[in-house]
Amino acid sequence: MMDSQLPPKDVPRDLSASEYFELGKQYKAIGWIGHSRKALQMAMECDDKGNIAQKALTFMKTRLPLKEVPQEAVAANIEGYNNMLTNPKAAKQIWWRLTEEYPDFEWPFSNLASLILNEGDIAEARKLLEQAIQLNPCYINALLHLANCDAIQMDYKNAITYIDRILELEPENEQALAQKQTINKVARLTGQGQDLGD
């Protein structure tokens, strides 16, 4: 990414609520969590309990670490993520280290669980995901992965419970809506879909 594509190094002072909200999402996308939090807080201040303020608050609760995390921890988490496909062993080492060094940082728990789930160890993945949810009950990625754990084990009813929790937080979450549709379809095909609801 070239410098011209990066958001400003300092959060501007003269934006609208919706501009601050978009900027907060951009900062999060490049791993500038402190900047993201600040931009989202400014969106809430500008909108004062309006629709944008609600979206900014939801984004903060569901997409950012619940507690302040040092930038080096965020950078290491991103490094793990970038290694996930090409060098999963390195990714796993990074995330294990982060869970030990930063036990209040939910992202590495969820990312590590996702990798371990792909390897087929559902019990270990669930344990890590439950730790992530303990740290941040609104963390959408962990809720999605927990739904996957249950769907793999054909506990479709419980999987839908996690999906519904996400949709309470973010009613238009496309990933959760698609996952719910898939789970309902599979449940019906296996004769377990009668009481799940759509």
C-alpha atoms as a PDB file:
ATOM      1  CA  MET A   1       0.000   0.000   0.000  1.00  0.00           C
ATOM      2  CA  MET A   2       1.406   3.387  -0.986  1.00  0.00           C
ATOM      3  CA  ASP A   3       1.456   6.335   1.409  1.00  0.00           C
ATOM      4  CA  SER A   4      -1.057   8.238  -0.731  1.00  0.00           C
ATOM      5  CA  GLN A   5      -3.596   5.462  -0.063  1.00  0.00           C
ATOM      6  CA  LEU A   6      -3.149   5.525   3.702  1.00  0.00           C
ATOM      7  CA  PRO A   7      -5.590   7.515   5.826  1.00  0.00           C
ATOM      8  CA  PRO A   8      -4.137  10.626   7.523  1.00  0.00           C
ATOM      9  CA  LYS A   9      -1.533  10.020  10.258  1.00  0.00           C
ATOM     10  CA  ASP A  10      -3.525  12.277  12.584  1.00  0.00           C
ATOM     11  CA  VAL A  11      -7.295  12.064  12.912  1.00  0.00           C
ATOM     12  CA  PRO A  12      -8.661  15.272  11.279  1.00  0.00           C
ATOM     13  CA  ARG A  13     -10.771  17.700  13.312  1.00  0.00           C
ATOM     14  CA  ASP A  14     -13.336  18.886  10.745  1.00  0.00           C
ATOM     15  CA  LEU A  15     -15.159  15.815   9.414  1.00  0.00           C
ATOM     16  CA  SER A  16     -18.809  14.800   9.499  1.00  0.00           C
ATOM     17  CA  ALA A  17     -20.032  11.862  11.576  1.00  0.00           C
ATOM     18  CA  SER A  18     -20.233   9.579   8.516  1.00  0.00           C
ATOM     19  CA  GLU A  19     -16.725  10.602   7.380  1.00  0.00           C
ATOM     20  CA  TYR A  20     -15.343   9.815  10.836  1.00  0.00           C
ATOM     21  CA  PHE A  21     -17.116   6.448  10.766  1.00  0.00           C
ATOM     22  CA  GLU A  22     -15.615   5.552   7.365  1.00  0.00           C
ATOM     23  CA  LEU A  23     -12.203   6.746   8.529  1.00  0.00           C
ATOM     24  CA  GLY A  24     -12.495   4.580  11.652  1.00  0.00           C
ATOM     25  CA  LYS A  25     -13.111   1.541   9.427  1.00  0.00           C
ATOM     26  CA  GLN A  26     -10.106   2.446   7.246  1.00  0.00           C
ATOM     27  CA  TYR A  27      -7.834   2.774  10.276  1.00  0.00           C
ATOM     28  CA  LYS A  28      -8.992  -0.606  11.563  1.00  0.00           C
ATOM     29  CA  ALA A  29      -8.312  -2.205   8.154  1.00  0.00           C
ATOM     30  CA  ILE A  30      -4.643  -1.186   8.306  1.00  0.00           C
ATOM     31  CA  GLY A  31      -4.246  -2.049  11.990  1.00  0.00           C
ATOM     32  CA  TRP A  32      -4.204   1.456  13.462  1.00  0.00           C
ATOM     33  CA  ILE A  33      -6.499   0.535  16.316  1.00  0.00           C
ATOM     34  CA  GLY A  34      -5.959   3.639  18.465  1.00  0.00           C
ATOM     35  CA  HIS A  35      -6.717   5.879  15.480  1.00  0.00           C
ATOM     36  CA  SER A  36      -9.768   3.779  14.646  1.00  0.00           C
ATOM     37  CA  ARG A  37     -11.131   4.081  18.175  1.00  0.00           C
ATOM     38  CA  LYS A  38     -10.558   7.848  18.170  1.00  0.00           C
ATOM     39  CA  ALA A  39     -12.269   8.355  14.779  1.00  0.00           C
ATOM     40  CA  LEU A  40     -15.241   6.226  15.855  1.00  0.00           C
ATOM     41  CA  GLN A  41     -15.550   8.184  19.130  1.00  0.00           C
ATOM     42  CA  MET A  42     -15.545  11.412  17.110  1.00  0.00           C
ATOM     43  CA  ALA A  43     -18.282   9.981  14.865  1.00  0.00           C
ATOM     44  CA  MET A  44     -20.364   9.325  17.992  1.00  0.00           C
ATOM     45  CA  GLU A  45     -19.735  12.833  19.328  1.00  0.00           C
ATOM     46  CA  CYS A  46     -20.738  14.426  15.998  1.00  0.00           C
ATOM     47  CA  ASP A  47     -23.914  12.370  15.665  1.00  0.00           C
ATOM     48  CA  ASP A  48     -24.955  12.258  19.353  1.00  0.00           C
ATOM     49  CA  LYS A  49     -27.086   9.097  19.573  1.00  0.00           C
ATOM     50  CA  GLY A  50     -28.087   9.098  15.899  1.00  0.00           C
ATOM     51  CA  ASN A  51     -27.774   6.248  13.395  1.00  0.00           C
ATOM     52  CA  ILE A  52     -24.065   6.852  12.650  1.00  0.00           C
ATOM     53  CA  ALA A  53     -23.288   7.033  16.372  1.00  0.00           C
ATOM     54  CA  GLN A  54     -24.979   3.648  16.846  1.00  0.00           C
ATOM     55  CA  LYS A  55     -23.044   2.128  13.924  1.00  0.00           C
ATOM     56  CA  ALA A  56     -19.761   3.506  15.285  1.00  0.00           C
ATOM     57  CA  LEU A  57     -20.467   2.108  18.750  1.00  0.00           C
ATOM     58  CA  THR A  58     -21.382  -1.301  17.290  1.00  0.00           C
ATOM     59  CA  PHE A  59     -18.219  -1.344  15.153  1.00  0.00           C
ATOM     60  CA  MET A  60     -16.119  -0.523  18.212  1.00  0.00           C
ATOM     61  CA  LYS A  61     -17.720  -3.282  20.312  1.00  0.00           C
ATOM     62  CA  THR A  62     -17.672  -5.966  17.627  1.00  0.00           C
ATOM     63  CA  ARG A  63     -14.537  -5.257  15.558  1.00  0.00           C
ATOM     64  CA  LEU A  64     -11.975  -3.601  17.847  1.00  0.00           C
ATOM     65  CA  PRO A  65     -10.232  -5.090  20.881  1.00  0.00           C
ATOM     66  CA  LEU A  66     -12.331  -4.392  23.961  1.00  0.00           C
ATOM     67  CA  LYS A  67      -9.279  -3.233  25.929  1.00  0.00           C
ATOM     68  CA  GLU A  68      -6.409  -1.024  24.811  1.00  0.00           C
ATOM     69  CA  VAL A  69      -3.712  -3.137  23.132  1.00  0.00           C
ATOM     70  CA  PRO A  70      -0.134  -2.049  22.367  1.00  0.00           C
ATOM     71  CA  GLN A  71       0.513  -1.432  18.668  1.00  0.00           C
ATOM     72  CA  GLU A  72       3.257  -4.097  18.628  1.00  0.00           C
ATOM     73  CA  ALA A  73       0.672  -6.721  19.634  1.00  0.00           C
ATOM     74  CA  VAL A  74      -1.653  -5.620  16.818  1.00  0.00           C
ATOM     75  CA  ALA A  75       1.269  -5.655  14.341  1.00  0.00           C
ATOM     76  CA  ALA A  76       2.268  -9.172  15.443  1.00  0.00           C
ATOM     77  CA  ASN A  77      -1.354 -10.337  15.085  1.00  0.00           C
ATOM     78  CA  ILE A  78      -1.405  -8.975  11.526  1.00  0.00           C
ATOM     79  CA  GLU A  79       1.901 -10.741  10.834  1.00  0.00           C
ATOM     80  CA  GLY A  80       0.302 -14.002  11.998  1.00  0.00           C
ATOM     81  CA  TYR A  81      -2.683 -13.374   9.759  1.00  0.00           C
ATOM     82  CA  ASN A  82      -0.416 -12.696   6.770  1.00  0.00           C
ATOM     83  CA  ASN A  83       1.386 -16.014   7.434  1.00  0.00           C
ATOM     84  CA  MET A  84      -1.794 -18.056   7.849  1.00  0.00           C
ATOM     85  CA  LEU A  85      -2.013 -19.399   4.285  1.00  0.00           C
ATOM     86  CA  THR A  86       1.661 -19.573   3.326  1.00  0.00           C
ATOM     87  CA  ASN A  87       3.206 -20.558   6.665  1.00  0.00           C
ATOM     88  CA  PRO A  88       0.528 -21.752   9.128  1.00  0.00           C
ATOM     89  CA  LYS A  89       3.168 -23.065  11.537  1.00  0.00           C
ATOM     90  CA  ALA A  90       4.671 -19.566  11.895  1.00  0.00           C
ATOM     91  CA  ALA A  91       1.190 -18.055  12.265  1.00  0.00           C
ATOM     92  CA  LYS A  92       0.379 -20.531  15.016  1.00  0.00           C
ATOM     93  CA  GLN A  93       3.606 -19.719  16.898  1.00  0.00           C
ATOM     94  CA  ILE A  94       2.926 -15.982  16.692  1.00  0.00           C
ATOM     95  CA  TRP A  95      -0.634 -16.340  17.958  1.00  0.00           C
ATOM     96  CA  TRP A  96       0.291 -18.734  20.796  1.00  0.00           C
ATOM     97  CA  ARG A  97       2.936 -16.224  21.911  1.00  0.00           C
ATOM     98  CA  LEU A  98       0.416 -13.365  21.753  1.00  0.00           C
ATOM     99  CA  THR A  99      -2.145 -15.276  23.857  1.00  0.00           C
ATOM    100  CA  GLU A 100       0.530 -15.668  26.541  1.00  0.00           C
ATOM    101  CA  GLU A 101       2.012 -12.153  26.356  1.00  0.00           C
ATOM    102  CA  TYR A 102      -1.298 -10.308  25.881  1.00  0.00           C
ATOM    103  CA  PRO A 103      -3.964 -12.445  27.609  1.00  0.00           C
ATOM    104  CA  ASP A 104      -6.510  -9.575  27.371  1.00  0.00           C
ATOM    105  CA  PHE A 105      -6.245  -9.344  23.555  1.00  0.00           C
ATOM    106  CA  GLU A 106      -9.058 -11.385  21.988  1.00  0.00           C
ATOM    107  CA  TRP A 107      -7.937 -11.358  18.330  1.00  0.00           C
ATOM    108  CA  PRO A 108      -5.058 -13.894  18.612  1.00  0.00           C
ATOM    109  CA  PHE A 109      -7.316 -16.345  20.492  1.00  0.00           C
ATOM    110  CA  SER A 110      -9.881 -16.231  17.686  1.00  0.00           C
ATOM    111  CA  ASN A 111      -7.328 -16.354  14.860  1.00  0.00           C
ATOM    112  CA  LEU A 112      -5.488 -19.265  16.452  1.00  0.00           C
ATOM    113  CA  ALA A 113      -8.802 -21.076  16.957  1.00  0.00           C
ATOM    114  CA  SER A 114      -9.685 -20.572  13.290  1.00  0.00           C
ATOM    115  CA  LEU A 115      -6.418 -22.192  12.227  1.00  0.00           C
ATOM    116  CA  ILE A 116      -6.806 -25.060  14.700  1.00  0.00           C
ATOM    117  CA  LEU A 117     -10.425 -25.581  13.597  1.00  0.00           C
ATOM    118  CA  ASN A 118      -9.223 -25.916   9.994  1.00  0.00           C
ATOM    119  CA  GLU A 119      -6.836 -28.630  11.225  1.00  0.00           C
ATOM    120  CA  GLY A 120      -9.798 -30.484  12.728  1.00  0.00           C
ATOM    121  CA  ASP A 121      -9.236 -29.974  16.471  1.00  0.00           C
ATOM    122  CA  ILE A 122     -12.702 -28.723  17.394  1.00  0.00           C
ATOM    123  CA  ALA A 123     -12.263 -29.059  21.169  1.00  0.00           C
ATOM    124  CA  GLU A 124      -9.083 -26.936  21.259  1.00  0.00           C
ATOM    125  CA  ALA A 125     -10.582 -24.373  18.884  1.00  0.00           C
ATOM    126  CA  ARG A 126     -13.707 -24.075  21.054  1.00  0.00           C
ATOM    127  CA  LYS A 127     -11.613 -23.571  24.191  1.00  0.00           C
ATOM    128  CA  LEU A 128      -9.734 -20.676  22.552  1.00  0.00           C
ATOM    129  CA  LEU A 129     -12.927 -19.154  21.161  1.00  0.00           C
ATOM    130  CA  GLU A 130     -14.606 -19.272  24.550  1.00  0.00           C
ATOM    131  CA  GLN A 131     -11.611 -17.380  25.963  1.00  0.00           C
ATOM    132  CA  ALA A 132     -11.997 -14.769  23.202  1.00  0.00           C
ATOM    133  CA  ILE A 133     -15.712 -14.403  24.002  1.00  0.00           C
ATOM    134  CA  GLN A 134     -14.941 -14.094  27.713  1.00  0.00           C
ATOM    135  CA  LEU A 135     -12.645 -11.187  26.842  1.00  0.00           C
ATOM    136  CA  ASN A 136     -15.188  -9.604  24.494  1.00  0.00           C
ATOM    137  CA  PRO A 137     -18.737 -11.062  24.381  1.00  0.00           C
ATOM    138  CA  CYS A 138     -19.506  -8.997  21.252  1.00  0.00           C
ATOM    139  CA  TYR A 139     -16.484 -10.093  19.179  1.00  0.00           C
ATOM    140  CA  ILE A 140     -18.087 -11.124  15.882  1.00  0.00           C
ATOM    141  CA  ASN A 141     -15.220 -13.216  14.467  1.00  0.00           C
ATOM    142  CA  ALA A 142     -15.179 -15.456  17.532  1.00  0.00           C
ATOM    143  CA  LEU A 143     -18.981 -15.832  17.432  1.00  0.00           C
ATOM    144  CA  LEU A 144     -18.780 -16.854  13.753  1.00  0.00           C
ATOM    145  CA  HIS A 145     -16.089 -19.438  14.513  1.00  0.00           C
ATOM    146  CA  LEU A 146     -18.133 -20.823  17.437  1.00  0.00           C
ATOM    147  CA  ALA A 147     -21.081 -21.223  15.066  1.00  0.00           C
ATOM    148  CA  ASN A 148     -18.730 -23.133  12.727  1.00  0.00           C
ATOM    149  CA  CYS A 149     -17.634 -25.424  15.581  1.00  0.00           C
ATOM    150  CA  ASP A 150     -21.253 -26.312  16.340  1.00  0.00           C
ATOM    151  CA  ALA A 151     -22.215 -26.695  12.672  1.00  0.00           C
ATOM    152  CA  ILE A 152     -19.299 -29.116  12.124  1.00  0.00           C
ATOM    153  CA  GLN A 153     -20.554 -31.145  15.087  1.00  0.00           C
ATOM    154  CA  MET A 154     -24.096 -31.008  13.633  1.00  0.00           C
ATOM    155  CA  ASP A 155     -25.398 -29.015  16.614  1.00  0.00           C
ATOM    156  CA  TYR A 156     -27.291 -26.714  14.269  1.00  0.00           C
ATOM    157  CA  LYS A 157     -29.552 -25.257  16.923  1.00  0.00           C
ATOM    158  CA  ASN A 158     -26.596 -23.992  18.966  1.00  0.00           C
ATOM    159  CA  ALA A 159     -24.825 -22.772  15.813  1.00  0.00           C
ATOM    160  CA  ILE A 160     -27.894 -20.656  14.977  1.00  0.00           C
ATOM    161  CA  THR A 161     -27.845 -19.241  18.531  1.00  0.00           C
ATOM    162  CA  TYR A 162     -24.377 -17.775  17.853  1.00  0.00           C
ATOM    163  CA  ILE A 163     -25.477 -16.461  14.449  1.00  0.00           C
ATOM    164  CA  ASP A 164     -28.552 -14.827  16.005  1.00  0.00           C
ATOM    165  CA  ARG A 165     -26.305 -13.158  18.586  1.00  0.00           C
ATOM    166  CA  ILE A 166     -24.279 -11.627  15.738  1.00  0.00           C
ATOM    167  CA  LEU A 167     -27.454 -10.486  13.982  1.00  0.00           C
ATOM    168  CA  GLU A 168     -28.639  -8.818  17.201  1.00  0.00           C
ATOM    169  CA  LEU A 169     -25.410  -6.815  17.156  1.00  0.00           C
ATOM    170  CA  GLU A 170     -25.282  -6.280  13.388  1.00  0.00           C
ATOM    171  CA  PRO A 171     -28.608  -7.081  11.695  1.00  0.00           C
ATOM    172  CA  GLU A 172     -27.122  -6.663   8.204  1.00  0.00           C
ATOM    173  CA  ASN A 173     -23.966  -8.762   8.735  1.00  0.00           C
ATOM    174  CA  GLU A 174     -23.728 -10.507   5.359  1.00  0.00           C
ATOM    175  CA  GLN A 175     -21.425 -13.280   6.557  1.00  0.00           C
ATOM    176  CA  ALA A 176     -23.781 -14.188   9.414  1.00  0.00           C
ATOM    177  CA  LEU A 177     -26.862 -14.038   7.160  1.00  0.00           C
ATOM    178  CA  ALA A 178     -25.198 -16.326   4.593  1.00  0.00           C
ATOM    179  CA  GLN A 179     -23.978 -18.693   7.311  1.00  0.00           C
ATOM    180  CA  LYS A 180     -27.463 -18.875   8.831  1.00  0.00           C
ATOM    181  CA  GLN A 181     -28.956 -19.725   5.445  1.00  0.00           C
ATOM    182  CA  THR A 182     -26.344 -22.468   4.880  1.00  0.00           C
ATOM    183  CA  ILE A 183     -26.815 -23.960   8.363  1.00  0.00           C
ATOM    184  CA  ASN A 184     -30.611 -23.993   7.930  1.00  0.00           C
ATOM    185  CA  LYS A 185     -30.260 -25.674   4.529  1.00  0.00           C
ATOM    186  CA  VAL A 186     -27.899 -28.377   5.860  1.00  0.00           C
ATOM    187  CA  ALA A 187     -30.087 -28.893   8.929  1.00  0.00           C
ATOM    188  CA  ARG A 188     -33.145 -29.439   6.725  1.00  0.00           C
ATOM    189  CA  LEU A 189     -31.235 -31.881   4.488  1.00  0.00           C
ATOM    190  CA  THR A 190     -30.256 -33.901   7.569  1.00  0.00           C
ATOM    191  CA  GLY A 191     -33.783 -33.792   8.994  1.00  0.00           C
ATOM    192  CA  GLN A 192     -32.877 -31.451  11.866  1.00  0.00           C
ATOM    193  CA  GLY A 193     -34.194 -28.176  10.465  1.00  0.00           C
ATOM    194  CA  GLN A 194     -37.812 -28.143  11.612  1.00  0.00           C
ATOM    195  CA  ASP A 195     -37.339 -26.033  14.752  1.00  0.00           C
ATOM    196  CA  LEU A 196     -34.454 -23.768  13.664  1.00  0.00           C
ATOM    197  CA  GLY A 197     -36.444 -21.014  12.003  1.00  0.00           C
ATOM    198  CA  ASP A 198     -35.134 -18.840   9.165  1.00  0.00           C
END
